[in-house]
């Protein structure tokens, strides 16, 4: 029996349901400030009475400066590559895979560099994923409180936050 030559892997591509013009319009509306994540985190910080500055002029443009030295980033799972191996596999099945993979890899590399440089400058850097901010706010606040113990989070506030996360 002669072994048959190996078949090249079939690359599946998903067709974009939108025209190029419509996709461009959709993508142009994606903003980096005052996003749902930023507004939700701001509400958590206000609720917990933690001192913060929104969009401080710091290296890497963190979303918040909590206290005097905690740089806080609210990272989207897609744009910052959460569960990168799974996301990369999903992107390979889509259109324009090379572009998206290199784009998100650059974002991830920049995130690591910014984190390292801010730490060298004396900042504590915290990055929260969108899912944590939206679904587990009390976990986010307890991590923040450990990093910036400026004011204790009262038991009443923590209890209210955990109730809000489950409803």
C-alpha atoms as a PDB file:
ATOM      1  CA  UNK A   1       0.000   0.000   0.000  1.00  0.00           C
ATOM      2  CA  UNK A   2       1.260   3.412  -0.904  1.00  0.00           C
ATOM      3  CA  UNK A   3       0.638   6.028   1.765  1.00  0.00           C
ATOM      4  CA  UNK A   4      -1.284   8.946   0.362  1.00  0.00           C
ATOM      5  CA  UNK A   5       0.346  12.356   0.624  1.00  0.00           C
ATOM      6  CA  UNK A   6      -0.748  14.422   3.585  1.00  0.00           C
ATOM      7  CA  UNK A   7      -3.578  16.765   2.762  1.00  0.00           C
ATOM      8  CA  UNK A   8      -3.021  20.411   3.640  1.00  0.00           C
ATOM      9  CA  UNK A   9      -5.102  21.576   6.557  1.00  0.00           C
ATOM     10  CA  UNK A  10      -8.309  23.145   5.405  1.00  0.00           C
ATOM     11  CA  UNK A  11      -8.668  26.701   6.604  1.00  0.00           C
ATOM     12  CA  UNK A  12     -12.202  27.660   7.399  1.00  0.00           C
ATOM     13  CA  UNK A  13     -13.175  31.233   6.924  1.00  0.00           C
ATOM     14  CA  UNK A  14     -16.246  32.926   8.178  1.00  0.00           C
ATOM     15  CA  UNK A  15     -17.822  35.399   5.864  1.00  0.00           C
ATOM     16  CA  UNK A  16     -18.507  38.749   7.472  1.00  0.00           C
ATOM     17  CA  UNK A  17     -22.270  39.367   7.425  1.00  0.00           C
ATOM     18  CA  UNK A  18     -21.660  43.108   6.942  1.00  0.00           C
ATOM     19  CA  UNK A  19     -20.380  44.993   3.940  1.00  0.00           C
ATOM     20  CA  UNK A  20     -16.940  46.592   4.222  1.00  0.00           C
ATOM     21  CA  UNK A  21     -18.580  50.004   4.607  1.00  0.00           C
ATOM     22  CA  UNK A  22     -20.917  48.809   7.387  1.00  0.00           C
ATOM     23  CA  UNK A  23     -18.090  46.968   9.202  1.00  0.00           C
ATOM     24  CA  UNK A  24     -15.970  50.133   9.020  1.00  0.00           C
ATOM     25  CA  UNK A  25     -18.831  52.143  10.500  1.00  0.00           C
ATOM     26  CA  UNK A  26     -19.273  49.618  13.327  1.00  0.00           C
ATOM     27  CA  UNK A  27     -15.552  49.534  14.124  1.00  0.00           C
ATOM     28  CA  UNK A  28     -15.268  53.326  14.070  1.00  0.00           C
ATOM     29  CA  UNK A  29     -17.719  53.518  16.962  1.00  0.00           C
ATOM     30  CA  UNK A  30     -15.495  51.522  19.301  1.00  0.00           C
ATOM     31  CA  UNK A  31     -14.135  53.933  21.865  1.00  0.00           C
ATOM     32  CA  UNK A  32     -11.331  53.692  24.368  1.00  0.00           C
ATOM     33  CA  UNK A  33     -12.764  56.071  26.975  1.00  0.00           C
ATOM     34  CA  UNK A  34     -16.010  56.093  28.907  1.00  0.00           C
ATOM     35  CA  UNK A  35     -16.707  52.497  27.950  1.00  0.00           C
ATOM     36  CA  UNK A  36     -19.169  50.325  29.852  1.00  0.00           C
ATOM     37  CA  UNK A  37     -16.218  48.820  31.743  1.00  0.00           C
ATOM     38  CA  UNK A  38     -14.869  52.234  32.706  1.00  0.00           C
ATOM     39  CA  UNK A  39     -18.268  53.475  33.849  1.00  0.00           C
ATOM     40  CA  UNK A  40     -18.875  50.321  35.898  1.00  0.00           C
ATOM     41  CA  UNK A  41     -15.448  50.525  37.537  1.00  0.00           C
ATOM     42  CA  UNK A  42     -15.975  54.216  38.278  1.00  0.00           C
ATOM     43  CA  UNK A  43     -19.269  53.374  39.978  1.00  0.00           C
ATOM     44  CA  UNK A  44     -17.509  50.712  42.080  1.00  0.00           C
ATOM     45  CA  UNK A  45     -14.766  53.119  43.136  1.00  0.00           C
ATOM     46  CA  UNK A  46     -17.290  55.831  44.036  1.00  0.00           C
ATOM     47  CA  UNK A  47     -19.437  53.322  45.912  1.00  0.00           C
ATOM     48  CA  UNK A  48     -16.428  52.101  47.909  1.00  0.00           C
ATOM     49  CA  UNK A  49     -15.322  55.688  48.542  1.00  0.00           C
ATOM     50  CA  UNK A  50     -11.833  55.019  47.219  1.00  0.00           C
ATOM     51  CA  UNK A  51      -9.991  58.131  46.011  1.00  0.00           C
ATOM     52  CA  UNK A  52      -9.290  57.955  42.283  1.00  0.00           C
ATOM     53  CA  UNK A  53      -8.508  59.927  39.185  1.00  0.00           C
ATOM     54  CA  UNK A  54     -10.050  58.842  35.883  1.00  0.00           C
ATOM     55  CA  UNK A  55      -7.762  58.811  32.824  1.00  0.00           C
ATOM     56  CA  UNK A  56      -4.615  60.134  34.521  1.00  0.00           C
ATOM     57  CA  UNK A  57      -1.816  61.350  32.286  1.00  0.00           C
ATOM     58  CA  UNK A  58       0.525  58.445  32.957  1.00  0.00           C
ATOM     59  CA  UNK A  59       2.598  56.100  30.850  1.00  0.00           C
ATOM     60  CA  UNK A  60       0.349  53.554  29.158  1.00  0.00           C
ATOM     61  CA  UNK A  61      -2.815  55.597  29.765  1.00  0.00           C
ATOM     62  CA  UNK A  62      -4.335  53.654  32.661  1.00  0.00           C
ATOM     63  CA  UNK A  63      -8.080  53.997  33.093  1.00  0.00           C
ATOM     64  CA  UNK A  64      -7.741  55.032  36.755  1.00  0.00           C
ATOM     65  CA  UNK A  65      -5.192  56.088  39.302  1.00  0.00           C
ATOM     66  CA  UNK A  66      -6.434  54.836  42.660  1.00  0.00           C
ATOM     67  CA  UNK A  67      -4.910  56.592  45.627  1.00  0.00           C
ATOM     68  CA  UNK A  68      -1.492  57.909  44.767  1.00  0.00           C
ATOM     69  CA  UNK A  69       0.176  54.874  43.277  1.00  0.00           C
ATOM     70  CA  UNK A  70      -2.210  52.239  41.901  1.00  0.00           C
ATOM     71  CA  UNK A  71      -2.524  52.286  38.110  1.00  0.00           C
ATOM     72  CA  UNK A  72      -5.718  50.454  37.182  1.00  0.00           C
ATOM     73  CA  UNK A  73      -6.477  49.112  33.711  1.00  0.00           C
ATOM     74  CA  UNK A  74      -9.884  47.773  32.636  1.00  0.00           C
ATOM     75  CA  UNK A  75      -9.019  45.294  29.871  1.00  0.00           C
ATOM     76  CA  UNK A  76     -11.423  43.861  27.332  1.00  0.00           C
ATOM     77  CA  UNK A  77     -11.025  40.113  26.813  1.00  0.00           C
ATOM     78  CA  UNK A  78     -10.908  40.458  23.034  1.00  0.00           C
ATOM     79  CA  UNK A  79      -8.599  43.448  22.591  1.00  0.00           C
ATOM     80  CA  UNK A  80      -6.143  42.308  25.268  1.00  0.00           C
ATOM     81  CA  UNK A  81      -6.223  38.595  24.424  1.00  0.00           C
ATOM     82  CA  UNK A  82      -7.672  36.830  27.436  1.00  0.00           C
ATOM     83  CA  UNK A  83      -7.405  33.033  27.043  1.00  0.00           C
ATOM     84  CA  UNK A  84      -5.050  33.751  24.158  1.00  0.00           C
ATOM     85  CA  UNK A  85      -4.706  30.201  22.807  1.00  0.00           C
ATOM     86  CA  UNK A  86      -8.459  29.782  22.483  1.00  0.00           C
ATOM     87  CA  UNK A  87      -8.969  33.261  21.054  1.00  0.00           C
ATOM     88  CA  UNK A  88      -6.130  32.774  18.567  1.00  0.00           C
ATOM     89  CA  UNK A  89      -7.661  29.503  17.361  1.00  0.00           C
ATOM     90  CA  UNK A  90     -11.001  31.262  16.934  1.00  0.00           C
ATOM     91  CA  UNK A  91      -9.362  34.127  15.009  1.00  0.00           C
ATOM     92  CA  UNK A  92      -7.661  31.644  12.675  1.00  0.00           C
ATOM     93  CA  UNK A  93     -11.108  30.474  11.587  1.00  0.00           C
ATOM     94  CA  UNK A  94     -12.235  34.014  10.789  1.00  0.00           C
ATOM     95  CA  UNK A  95     -11.465  36.506   8.094  1.00  0.00           C
ATOM     96  CA  UNK A  96      -8.274  38.584   8.091  1.00  0.00           C
ATOM     97  CA  UNK A  97      -6.746  36.305  10.730  1.00  0.00           C
ATOM     98  CA  UNK A  98      -3.162  37.493  10.283  1.00  0.00           C
ATOM     99  CA  UNK A  99      -4.159  41.098  10.930  1.00  0.00           C
ATOM    100  CA  UNK A 100      -6.150  40.354  14.085  1.00  0.00           C
ATOM    101  CA  UNK A 101      -3.608  37.962  15.549  1.00  0.00           C
ATOM    102  CA  UNK A 102      -0.712  40.380  15.079  1.00  0.00           C
ATOM    103  CA  UNK A 103      -2.846  43.288  16.352  1.00  0.00           C
ATOM    104  CA  UNK A 104      -3.762  41.517  19.588  1.00  0.00           C
ATOM    105  CA  UNK A 105      -0.237  40.131  20.051  1.00  0.00           C
ATOM    106  CA  UNK A 106       1.086  43.716  19.829  1.00  0.00           C
ATOM    107  CA  UNK A 107      -1.496  44.806  22.423  1.00  0.00           C
ATOM    108  CA  UNK A 108      -0.418  42.006  24.759  1.00  0.00           C
ATOM    109  CA  UNK A 109       3.252  42.859  24.327  1.00  0.00           C
ATOM    110  CA  UNK A 110       2.577  46.553  24.968  1.00  0.00           C
ATOM    111  CA  UNK A 111       0.545  45.657  28.090  1.00  0.00           C
ATOM    112  CA  UNK A 112       3.510  43.695  29.490  1.00  0.00           C
ATOM    113  CA  UNK A 113       5.955  46.513  28.710  1.00  0.00           C
ATOM    114  CA  UNK A 114       3.726  49.206  30.240  1.00  0.00           C
ATOM    115  CA  UNK A 115       3.155  47.118  33.367  1.00  0.00           C
ATOM    116  CA  UNK A 116       6.884  46.550  33.787  1.00  0.00           C
ATOM    117  CA  UNK A 117       7.764  50.237  33.284  1.00  0.00           C
ATOM    118  CA  UNK A 118       5.061  51.528  35.634  1.00  0.00           C
ATOM    119  CA  UNK A 119       6.229  49.110  38.342  1.00  0.00           C
ATOM    120  CA  UNK A 120       9.784  50.377  37.921  1.00  0.00           C
ATOM    121  CA  UNK A 121       8.410  53.894  38.406  1.00  0.00           C
ATOM    122  CA  UNK A 122       6.919  52.817  41.766  1.00  0.00           C
ATOM    123  CA  UNK A 123       3.310  52.196  40.767  1.00  0.00           C
ATOM    124  CA  UNK A 124       1.289  49.151  41.672  1.00  0.00           C
ATOM    125  CA  UNK A 125      -0.351  47.947  38.462  1.00  0.00           C
ATOM    126  CA  UNK A 126      -3.683  46.134  38.499  1.00  0.00           C
ATOM    127  CA  UNK A 127      -5.418  44.835  35.386  1.00  0.00           C
ATOM    128  CA  UNK A 128      -8.997  43.630  35.559  1.00  0.00           C
ATOM    129  CA  UNK A 129     -10.697  41.677  32.807  1.00  0.00           C
ATOM    130  CA  UNK A 130     -14.097  42.800  31.611  1.00  0.00           C
ATOM    131  CA  UNK A 131     -15.773  39.658  32.957  1.00  0.00           C
ATOM    132  CA  UNK A 132     -14.438  40.318  36.450  1.00  0.00           C
ATOM    133  CA  UNK A 133     -15.586  43.937  36.456  1.00  0.00           C
ATOM    134  CA  UNK A 134     -19.045  43.079  35.174  1.00  0.00           C
ATOM    135  CA  UNK A 135     -19.655  39.808  37.022  1.00  0.00           C
ATOM    136  CA  UNK A 136     -17.481  39.867  40.159  1.00  0.00           C
ATOM    137  CA  UNK A 137     -17.197  43.463  41.364  1.00  0.00           C
ATOM    138  CA  UNK A 138     -16.593  42.532  44.999  1.00  0.00           C
ATOM    139  CA  UNK A 139     -13.538  40.491  43.963  1.00  0.00           C
ATOM    140  CA  UNK A 140     -12.179  43.518  42.073  1.00  0.00           C
ATOM    141  CA  UNK A 141     -12.703  45.787  45.057  1.00  0.00           C
ATOM    142  CA  UNK A 142     -11.054  43.406  47.502  1.00  0.00           C
ATOM    143  CA  UNK A 143      -7.986  43.216  45.210  1.00  0.00           C
ATOM    144  CA  UNK A 144      -7.951  47.004  44.991  1.00  0.00           C
ATOM    145  CA  UNK A 145      -8.274  47.348  48.724  1.00  0.00           C
ATOM    146  CA  UNK A 146      -5.288  45.048  49.251  1.00  0.00           C
ATOM    147  CA  UNK A 147      -3.227  47.112  46.819  1.00  0.00           C
ATOM    148  CA  UNK A 148      -4.361  50.565  47.986  1.00  0.00           C
ATOM    149  CA  UNK A 149      -5.381  50.368  51.631  1.00  0.00           C
ATOM    150  CA  UNK A 150      -6.425  54.006  51.773  1.00  0.00           C
ATOM    151  CA  UNK A 151      -9.847  53.384  53.253  1.00  0.00           C
ATOM    152  CA  UNK A 152     -11.276  50.069  54.422  1.00  0.00           C
ATOM    153  CA  UNK A 153     -14.219  48.713  52.514  1.00  0.00           C
ATOM    154  CA  UNK A 154     -17.024  48.456  55.020  1.00  0.00           C
ATOM    155  CA  UNK A 155     -18.760  45.108  55.454  1.00  0.00           C
ATOM    156  CA  UNK A 156     -22.044  46.746  54.445  1.00  0.00           C
ATOM    157  CA  UNK A 157     -20.585  47.923  51.112  1.00  0.00           C
ATOM    158  CA  UNK A 158     -18.978  44.528  50.419  1.00  0.00           C
ATOM    159  CA  UNK A 159     -22.255  42.757  51.127  1.00  0.00           C
ATOM    160  CA  UNK A 160     -24.205  45.120  48.836  1.00  0.00           C
ATOM    161  CA  UNK A 161     -21.657  44.593  46.056  1.00  0.00           C
ATOM    162  CA  UNK A 162     -21.835  40.808  46.289  1.00  0.00           C
ATOM    163  CA  UNK A 163     -25.630  41.001  46.179  1.00  0.00           C
ATOM    164  CA  UNK A 164     -25.489  43.227  43.071  1.00  0.00           C
ATOM    165  CA  UNK A 165     -23.144  40.822  41.311  1.00  0.00           C
ATOM    166  CA  UNK A 166     -25.546  37.904  41.732  1.00  0.00           C
ATOM    167  CA  UNK A 167     -28.686  39.751  40.660  1.00  0.00           C
END
